[in-house]
C-alpha atoms as a PDB file:
ATOM      1  CA  MET A   1      10.074  -3.686   4.541  1.00  0.00           C
ATOM      2  CA  PRO A   2      13.799  -4.223   4.189  1.00  0.00           C
ATOM      3  CA  PRO A   3      16.031  -3.149   7.067  1.00  0.00           C
ATOM      4  CA  ASP A   4      17.581   0.311   7.144  1.00  0.00           C
ATOM      5  CA  LEU A   5      20.545   0.282   4.757  1.00  0.00           C
ATOM      6  CA  SER A   6      22.053   3.627   5.721  1.00  0.00           C
ATOM      7  CA  PRO A   7      25.111   2.161   7.540  1.00  0.00           C
ATOM      8  CA  HIS A   8      26.128   0.421   4.323  1.00  0.00           C
ATOM      9  CA  LEU A   9      25.857   3.383   1.954  1.00  0.00           C
ATOM     10  CA  GLN A  10      28.967   4.538   0.182  1.00  0.00           C
ATOM     11  CA  ALA A  11      27.721   6.739  -2.637  1.00  0.00           C
ATOM     12  CA  GLU A  12      24.968   9.265  -3.343  1.00  0.00           C
ATOM     13  CA  GLU A  13      23.656   6.995  -6.125  1.00  0.00           C
ATOM     14  CA  CYS A  14      22.893   4.369  -3.480  1.00  0.00           C
ATOM     15  CA  ASN A  15      20.937   6.922  -1.447  1.00  0.00           C
ATOM     16  CA  ILE A  16      18.862   7.823  -4.492  1.00  0.00           C
ATOM     17  CA  LEU A  17      18.107   4.202  -5.358  1.00  0.00           C
ATOM     18  CA  ILE A  18      17.186   3.272  -1.791  1.00  0.00           C
ATOM     19  CA  ASN A  19      14.896   6.294  -1.463  1.00  0.00           C
ATOM     20  CA  LEU A  20      13.183   5.341  -4.733  1.00  0.00           C
ATOM     21  CA  LEU A  21      12.725   1.785  -3.462  1.00  0.00           C
ATOM     22  CA  LYS A  22      11.244   3.011  -0.167  1.00  0.00           C
ATOM     23  CA  GLU A  23       8.837   5.302  -2.045  1.00  0.00           C
ATOM     24  CA  SER A  24       7.824   2.420  -4.297  1.00  0.00           C
ATOM     25  CA  HIS A  25       7.079   0.205  -1.274  1.00  0.00           C
ATOM     26  CA  LYS A  26       5.035   2.982   0.326  1.00  0.00           C
ATOM     27  CA  ASN A  27       2.990   3.561  -2.844  1.00  0.00           C
ATOM     28  CA  TYR A  28       2.414  -0.174  -3.299  1.00  0.00           C
ATOM     29  CA  MET A  29       1.095  -0.575   0.234  1.00  0.00           C
ATOM     30  CA  GLU A  30      -1.213   2.442  -0.079  1.00  0.00           C
ATOM     31  CA  LYS A  31      -2.684   1.032  -3.295  1.00  0.00           C
ATOM     32  CA  ARG A  32      -3.054  -2.406  -1.754  1.00  0.00           C
ATOM     33  CA  ILE A  33      -4.905  -0.995   1.269  1.00  0.00           C
ATOM     34  CA  LYS A  34      -7.280   0.967  -0.987  1.00  0.00           C
ATOM     35  CA  SER A  35      -7.883  -2.130  -3.101  1.00  0.00           C
ATOM     36  CA  ARG A  36      -8.646  -4.216  -0.002  1.00  0.00           C
ATOM     37  CA  GLU A  37     -11.069  -1.565   1.294  1.00  0.00           C
ATOM     38  CA  HIS A  38     -12.799  -1.467  -2.085  1.00  0.00           C
ATOM     39  CA  GLY A  39     -13.073  -5.272  -2.145  1.00  0.00           C
ATOM     40  CA  ASN A  40     -14.541  -5.329   1.362  1.00  0.00           C
ATOM     41  CA  ALA A  41     -17.135  -2.711   0.395  1.00  0.00           C
ATOM     42  CA  MET A  42     -18.078  -4.693  -2.719  1.00  0.00           C
ATOM     43  CA  ARG A  43     -18.436  -7.919  -0.699  1.00  0.00           C
ATOM     44  CA  LYS A  44     -20.616  -6.136   1.839  1.00  0.00           C
ATOM     45  CA  ARG A  45     -22.910  -4.863  -0.911  1.00  0.00           C
ATOM     46  CA  LEU A  46     -22.981  -8.233  -2.622  1.00  0.00           C
ATOM     47  CA  PHE A  47     -23.858 -10.267   0.460  1.00  0.00           C
ATOM     48  CA  ASN A  48     -26.049  -7.670   2.230  1.00  0.00           C
ATOM     49  CA  PRO A  49     -27.975  -5.906  -0.553  1.00  0.00           C
ATOM     50  CA  LEU A  50     -31.044  -5.220   1.646  1.00  0.00           C
ATOM     51  CA  GLU A  51     -29.066  -3.295   4.257  1.00  0.00           C
ATOM     52  CA  GLU A  52     -27.852  -0.810   1.644  1.00  0.00           C
ATOM     53  CA  SER A  53     -31.366  -0.110   0.289  1.00  0.00           C
ATOM     54  CA  GLU A  54     -32.849   0.284   3.795  1.00  0.00           C
ATOM     55  CA  LYS A  55     -30.439   3.083   4.749  1.00  0.00           C
END
């Protein structure tokens, strides 16, 4: 994450752009975490198929 830019702001347009950037970073990380969790679950099923059917 980039450092806090608030000391360098001079206009409201900058605030809007920085907030949009922060939201974009947050959304990207949430999607990446979900994707990683999905991949881990798929690998577990792929390499341990008997454990899933025994449960």
